[in-house]
Amino acid sequence: MIGYVKKQTCEHVLVLSSRFLLARLYLLSSVDILYRFISTEKERVYD
């Protein structure tokens, strides 16, 4: 029974951490895209 609980907890932690990593990657990529968009817009304005 204890082994089963440990296994469930480990799986839960893995799922949470993978979701967290995915969310972080998504945030970073969207911020990167926004930053590129803003910098290209600035260049367009100054040209």
N, C-alpha and C. Protein backbone atom coordinates (compact mmCIF):
# COMPACT_ATOMS: atom_id res chain seq x y z
N MET A 1 0.83 -1.21 0.00
CA MET A 1 0.00 0.00 0.00
C MET A 1 0.87 1.26 0.00
N ILE A 2 1.89 1.29 0.86
CA ILE A 2 2.77 2.46 0.93
C ILE A 2 3.51 2.64 -0.40
N GLY A 3 3.95 1.51 -0.97
CA GLY A 3 4.63 1.58 -2.26
C GLY A 3 3.73 2.17 -3.33
N TYR A 4 2.47 1.80 -3.30
CA TYR A 4 1.51 2.31 -4.27
C TYR A 4 1.35 3.82 -4.11
N VAL A 5 1.24 4.27 -2.87
CA VAL A 5 1.09 5.71 -2.60
C VAL A 5 2.33 6.46 -3.08
N LYS A 6 3.51 5.88 -2.82
CA LYS A 6 4.75 6.53 -3.27
C LYS A 6 4.77 6.64 -4.78
N LYS A 7 4.35 5.56 -5.45
CA LYS A 7 4.34 5.56 -6.91
C LYS A 7 3.39 6.64 -7.43
N GLN A 8 2.20 6.72 -6.82
CA GLN A 8 1.22 7.73 -7.23
C GLN A 8 1.77 9.14 -7.02
N THR A 9 2.42 9.36 -5.88
CA THR A 9 2.99 10.67 -5.57
C THR A 9 4.07 11.03 -6.58
N CYS A 10 4.94 10.07 -6.90
CA CYS A 10 6.01 10.31 -7.88
C CYS A 10 5.42 10.68 -9.23
N GLU A 11 4.40 9.93 -9.66
CA GLU A 11 3.77 10.22 -10.95
C GLU A 11 3.15 11.61 -10.93
N HIS A 12 2.51 11.95 -9.83
CA HIS A 12 1.86 13.26 -9.69
C HIS A 12 2.90 14.37 -9.79
N VAL A 13 4.01 14.19 -9.10
CA VAL A 13 5.09 15.19 -9.12
C VAL A 13 5.65 15.32 -10.53
N LEU A 14 5.84 14.18 -11.21
CA LEU A 14 6.36 14.21 -12.58
C LEU A 14 5.41 14.97 -13.51
N VAL A 15 4.13 14.69 -13.37
CA VAL A 15 3.14 15.37 -14.22
C VAL A 15 3.16 16.87 -13.95
N LEU A 16 3.17 17.23 -12.67
CA LEU A 16 3.19 18.65 -12.31
C LEU A 16 4.44 19.35 -12.84
N SER A 17 5.59 18.72 -12.66
CA SER A 17 6.84 19.35 -13.08
C SER A 17 6.89 19.46 -14.60
N SER A 18 6.39 18.44 -15.31
CA SER A 18 6.40 18.52 -16.77
C SER A 18 5.46 19.61 -17.25
N ARG A 19 4.31 19.74 -16.59
CA ARG A 19 3.39 20.82 -16.95
C ARG A 19 4.02 22.18 -16.67
N PHE A 20 4.71 22.28 -15.54
CA PHE A 20 5.37 23.53 -15.19
C PHE A 20 6.43 23.89 -16.23
N LEU A 21 7.22 22.89 -16.64
CA LEU A 21 8.26 23.12 -17.65
C LEU A 21 7.63 23.54 -18.97
N LEU A 22 6.55 22.86 -19.35
CA LEU A 22 5.87 23.21 -20.60
C LEU A 22 5.34 24.65 -20.53
N ALA A 23 4.75 25.00 -19.40
CA ALA A 23 4.22 26.35 -19.24
C ALA A 23 5.35 27.38 -19.32
N ARG A 24 6.49 27.05 -18.71
CA ARG A 24 7.64 27.96 -18.75
C ARG A 24 8.15 28.13 -20.17
N LEU A 25 8.25 27.01 -20.88
CA LEU A 25 8.70 27.07 -22.27
C LEU A 25 7.74 27.92 -23.10
N TYR A 26 6.45 27.71 -22.89
CA TYR A 26 5.44 28.46 -23.63
C TYR A 26 5.55 29.95 -23.34
N LEU A 27 5.71 30.28 -22.06
CA LEU A 27 5.85 31.69 -21.67
C LEU A 27 7.09 32.31 -22.29
N LEU A 28 8.21 31.58 -22.20
CA LEU A 28 9.46 32.10 -22.75
C LEU A 28 9.35 32.33 -24.24
N SER A 29 8.75 31.37 -24.96
CA SER A 29 8.65 31.51 -26.41
C SER A 29 7.71 32.65 -26.78
N SER A 30 6.61 32.81 -26.04
CA SER A 30 5.69 33.90 -26.35
C SER A 30 6.33 35.25 -26.06
N VAL A 31 7.10 35.33 -24.97
CA VAL A 31 7.81 36.57 -24.65
C VAL A 31 8.84 36.87 -25.73
N ASP A 32 9.54 35.82 -26.19
CA ASP A 32 10.53 35.98 -27.25
C ASP A 32 9.88 36.50 -28.52
N ILE A 33 8.73 35.93 -28.87
CA ILE A 33 8.02 36.36 -30.07
C ILE A 33 7.57 37.82 -29.93
N LEU A 34 7.03 38.16 -28.76
CA LEU A 34 6.60 39.54 -28.51
C LEU A 34 7.78 40.50 -28.64
N TYR A 35 8.91 40.11 -28.05
CA TYR A 35 10.10 40.96 -28.08
C TYR A 35 10.55 41.19 -29.52
N ARG A 36 10.59 40.10 -30.32
CA ARG A 36 10.99 40.23 -31.71
C ARG A 36 10.02 41.12 -32.47
N PHE A 37 8.73 40.93 -32.21
CA PHE A 37 7.71 41.72 -32.89
C PHE A 37 7.89 43.20 -32.57
N ILE A 38 8.10 43.52 -31.30
CA ILE A 38 8.28 44.90 -30.87
C ILE A 38 9.53 45.50 -31.51
N SER A 39 10.62 44.75 -31.53
CA SER A 39 11.86 45.28 -32.09
C SER A 39 11.72 45.51 -33.60
N THR A 40 11.02 44.62 -34.30
CA THR A 40 10.82 44.83 -35.74
C THR A 40 9.91 46.03 -35.97
N GLU A 41 8.91 46.20 -35.12
CA GLU A 41 8.03 47.36 -35.24
C GLU A 41 8.81 48.66 -35.03
N LYS A 42 9.70 48.66 -34.04
CA LYS A 42 10.53 49.85 -33.78
C LYS A 42 11.38 50.18 -35.00
N GLU A 43 12.01 49.15 -35.58
CA GLU A 43 12.85 49.37 -36.76
C GLU A 43 12.01 49.93 -37.90
N ARG A 44 10.81 49.42 -38.05
CA ARG A 44 9.93 49.87 -39.11
C ARG A 44 9.56 51.34 -38.91
N VAL A 45 9.34 51.73 -37.67
CA VAL A 45 8.98 53.12 -37.37
C VAL A 45 10.15 54.06 -37.66
N TYR A 46 11.35 53.64 -37.31
CA TYR A 46 12.51 54.52 -37.48
C TYR A 46 12.99 54.62 -38.92
N ASP A 47 12.66 53.63 -39.74
CA ASP A 47 13.14 53.66 -41.13
C ASP A 47 12.43 54.69 -41.99
